Amino acid sequence: MKSQTLQYYMHDGPAAFRFELAGELNNEAARDLAQAWRTASSMIGDRALVVDITFVTSAGRDGRSLLARWYAEGAQLIARSKVSRALAEAIVGAPLPEFASPIIAGAVRTWLPFHTSFGGPKLKMMFLVAAMLLPVRAHAANLKAETVAACRKNGLFISCIEK
C-alpha cells in the first residue's frame, strides 16, 4: 500500500489551539509538524493544545516521540477510530481518557472535522448538475441603429445577427 503524506490543519479557537492530523506521521512529517508548533506556540497563550489523530494511519519513531512529548506537556489527544486509539494508547502507555461530558468536548471543538472536507466536491458536483438540468434563459438587448453606427464609425467591432 502506498504511504499517505501527512496533512495537518491548524485551528485557532478561543478555548484551544488544535492540530488535526491525517495520513502517515513519519519522521520527516514529525519534524515539519514540530516546526509548525514552535511557530504557533508563541501565539496561543494559555489555551489548551488539542491534537486530533483520528485520521493518522501510522506513526514513525519521531512522530510517536512528538505526540508523547506533547501529551506529557498537557496536550489532549483525540483518537476516534480504532486504529488511532490503539496508536495513541501505545504512545502514551495508558488508555486515553474519554470526554467527561459533551460540554467539555464542545469547549475544545475549534474546527470542522477532516472527514467533512470530503463533502465539498460532492456539493460542487450537485450544483453543477442542477445548473445543467435547470438552465436559465438569457436575454440579449437590441441595439439602436444610432448606437451600431456610432460604434462602426469609431472602429469598434460589432457582430450583428440579422433576423
Protein backbone atom coordinates (compact mmCIF):
# COMPACT_ATOMS: atom_id res chain seq x y z
CA MET A 1 0.00 0.00 0.00
CA LYS A 2 1.28 3.46 -0.88
CA SER A 3 2.10 5.66 2.12
CA GLN A 4 -0.08 8.68 2.68
CA THR A 5 1.67 12.01 3.12
CA LEU A 6 0.74 13.71 6.37
CA GLN A 7 -1.73 16.53 6.06
CA TYR A 8 -2.40 18.71 9.04
CA TYR A 9 -4.77 21.51 9.79
CA MET A 10 -4.29 24.12 12.48
CA HIS A 11 -7.41 25.54 14.07
CA ASP A 12 -7.07 28.56 16.29
CA GLY A 13 -10.12 28.82 18.53
CA PRO A 14 -10.94 30.85 21.63
CA ALA A 15 -10.51 27.92 24.05
CA ALA A 16 -7.95 25.75 22.29
CA PHE A 17 -5.37 25.52 19.56
CA ARG A 18 -5.98 22.35 17.63
CA PHE A 19 -3.97 20.24 15.22
CA GLU A 20 -5.93 17.80 13.11
CA LEU A 21 -3.65 15.20 11.52
CA ALA A 22 -4.35 12.83 8.63
CA GLY A 23 -2.05 10.34 6.92
CA GLU A 24 1.32 8.95 7.91
CA LEU A 25 3.19 10.73 10.72
CA ASN A 26 6.65 9.65 9.57
CA ASN A 27 9.91 11.16 10.85
CA GLU A 28 10.05 13.94 8.24
CA ALA A 29 6.41 14.87 8.83
CA ALA A 30 7.03 14.92 12.60
CA ARG A 31 9.88 17.42 12.16
CA ASP A 32 7.65 19.62 9.98
CA LEU A 33 4.81 19.41 12.50
CA ALA A 34 7.15 20.26 15.38
CA GLN A 35 8.31 23.36 13.48
CA ALA A 36 4.70 24.40 12.86
CA TRP A 37 4.05 24.03 16.59
CA ARG A 38 7.10 26.12 17.51
CA THR A 39 5.81 28.87 15.23
CA ALA A 40 2.23 28.69 16.52
CA SER A 41 3.01 28.22 20.21
CA SER A 42 4.16 31.82 20.63
CA MET A 43 0.63 32.95 19.75
CA ILE A 44 -1.66 30.60 21.69
CA GLY A 45 -1.12 31.90 25.22
CA ASP A 46 -2.84 29.81 27.86
CA ARG A 47 -5.22 27.98 25.51
CA ALA A 48 -5.22 24.20 25.51
CA LEU A 49 -3.41 22.18 22.84
CA VAL A 50 -5.63 19.53 21.26
CA VAL A 51 -4.19 17.03 18.79
CA ASP A 52 -6.73 15.02 16.81
CA ILE A 53 -5.06 11.92 15.37
CA THR A 54 -8.28 10.17 14.31
CA PHE A 55 -7.14 10.03 10.67
CA VAL A 56 -3.46 9.14 11.30
CA THR A 57 -2.68 5.84 9.62
CA SER A 58 0.76 5.22 11.19
CA ALA A 59 3.49 6.99 13.14
CA GLY A 60 7.26 6.67 12.92
CA ARG A 61 9.71 6.94 15.81
CA ASP A 62 9.88 10.76 15.70
CA GLY A 63 6.12 11.07 15.27
CA ARG A 64 5.48 8.88 18.31
CA SER A 65 8.06 10.82 20.30
CA LEU A 66 6.48 14.17 19.37
CA LEU A 67 2.98 13.02 20.36
CA ALA A 68 4.31 11.55 23.64
CA ARG A 69 6.11 14.81 24.46
CA TRP A 70 3.02 16.91 23.72
CA TYR A 71 0.86 14.58 25.82
CA ALA A 72 3.35 14.77 28.73
CA GLU A 73 3.21 18.57 28.48
CA GLY A 74 -0.58 18.53 28.82
CA ALA A 75 -1.88 18.26 25.27
CA GLN A 76 -5.14 16.41 24.81
CA LEU A 77 -5.03 13.60 22.24
CA ILE A 78 -8.24 12.82 20.36
CA ALA A 79 -8.47 9.41 18.68
CA ARG A 80 -11.93 8.43 17.48
CA SER A 81 -11.07 5.43 15.31
CA LYS A 82 -9.91 2.01 16.48
CA VAL A 83 -6.56 2.36 14.70
CA SER A 84 -5.84 5.85 16.05
CA ARG A 85 -6.95 4.92 19.57
CA ALA A 86 -4.63 1.91 19.62
CA LEU A 87 -1.80 4.09 18.31
CA ALA A 88 -2.43 6.81 20.90
CA GLU A 89 -2.67 4.34 23.78
CA ALA A 90 0.57 2.67 22.67
CA ILE A 91 2.27 6.08 22.60
CA VAL A 92 1.07 7.30 26.00
CA GLY A 93 1.21 3.87 27.65
CA ALA A 94 -2.30 4.11 29.07
CA PRO A 95 -5.90 4.23 27.92
CA LEU A 96 -6.95 7.65 26.68
CA PRO A 97 -9.50 9.39 28.87
CA GLU A 98 -12.98 9.79 27.44
CA PHE A 99 -14.58 13.18 27.34
CA ALA A 100 -16.30 13.60 30.69
CA SER A 101 -19.23 15.49 29.23
CA PRO A 102 -20.47 16.96 25.98
CA ILE A 103 -19.77 20.44 27.38
CA ILE A 104 -16.07 19.67 27.73
CA ALA A 105 -15.96 18.05 24.30
CA GLY A 106 -17.62 21.07 22.75
CA ALA A 107 -15.38 23.52 24.58
CA VAL A 108 -12.34 22.42 22.62
CA ARG A 109 -14.07 22.00 19.27
CA THR A 110 -12.45 24.70 17.17
CA TRP A 111 -12.63 23.03 13.81
CA LEU A 112 -14.58 21.47 11.03
CA PRO A 113 -13.83 17.73 11.05
CA PHE A 114 -11.46 16.44 8.40
CA HIS A 115 -14.00 13.97 7.03
CA THR A 116 -16.46 16.76 6.26
CA SER A 117 -13.97 18.28 3.85
CA PHE A 118 -14.76 15.37 1.55
CA GLY A 119 -18.33 16.69 1.22
CA GLY A 120 -17.08 19.73 -0.71
CA PRO A 121 -16.60 18.03 -4.10
CA LYS A 122 -19.96 16.27 -3.79
CA LEU A 123 -21.66 19.56 -3.05
CA LYS A 124 -19.99 21.25 -6.02
CA MET A 125 -20.99 18.38 -8.30
CA MET A 126 -24.58 18.66 -7.10
CA PHE A 127 -24.66 22.38 -8.00
CA LEU A 128 -23.11 21.67 -11.40
CA VAL A 129 -25.73 19.01 -12.20
CA ALA A 130 -28.50 21.30 -11.00
CA ALA A 131 -27.20 24.10 -13.24
CA MET A 132 -27.20 21.77 -16.25
CA LEU A 133 -30.68 20.40 -15.53
CA LEU A 134 -32.23 23.77 -14.76
CA PRO A 135 -30.95 26.12 -17.46
CA VAL A 136 -31.61 29.82 -17.20
CA ARG A 137 -32.79 31.73 -20.26
CA ALA A 138 -30.51 34.62 -21.20
CA HIS A 139 -31.98 37.73 -22.79
CA ALA A 140 -29.97 39.90 -25.17
CA ALA A 141 -30.53 43.58 -25.75
CA ASN A 142 -31.21 45.02 -29.19
CA LEU A 143 -29.02 47.98 -30.02
CA LYS A 144 -30.48 51.04 -31.65
CA ALA A 145 -29.32 51.84 -35.18
CA GLU A 146 -27.61 55.02 -33.93
CA THR A 147 -25.51 53.01 -31.43
CA VAL A 148 -24.41 50.50 -34.09
CA ALA A 149 -23.50 53.34 -36.47
CA ALA A 150 -21.50 55.17 -33.79
CA CYS A 151 -19.58 52.01 -32.90
CA ARG A 152 -18.73 51.31 -36.55
CA LYS A 153 -17.65 54.92 -37.02
CA ASN A 154 -15.29 54.67 -34.02
CA GLY A 155 -13.80 51.38 -35.24
CA LEU A 156 -15.41 49.12 -32.63
CA PHE A 157 -16.25 45.64 -33.85
CA ILE A 158 -19.88 44.64 -33.56
CA SER A 159 -21.21 41.35 -34.73
CA CYS A 160 -24.79 41.60 -35.84
CA ILE A 161 -27.23 38.79 -36.48
CA GLU A 162 -29.91 39.73 -38.96
CA LYS A 163 -33.36 38.29 -38.50
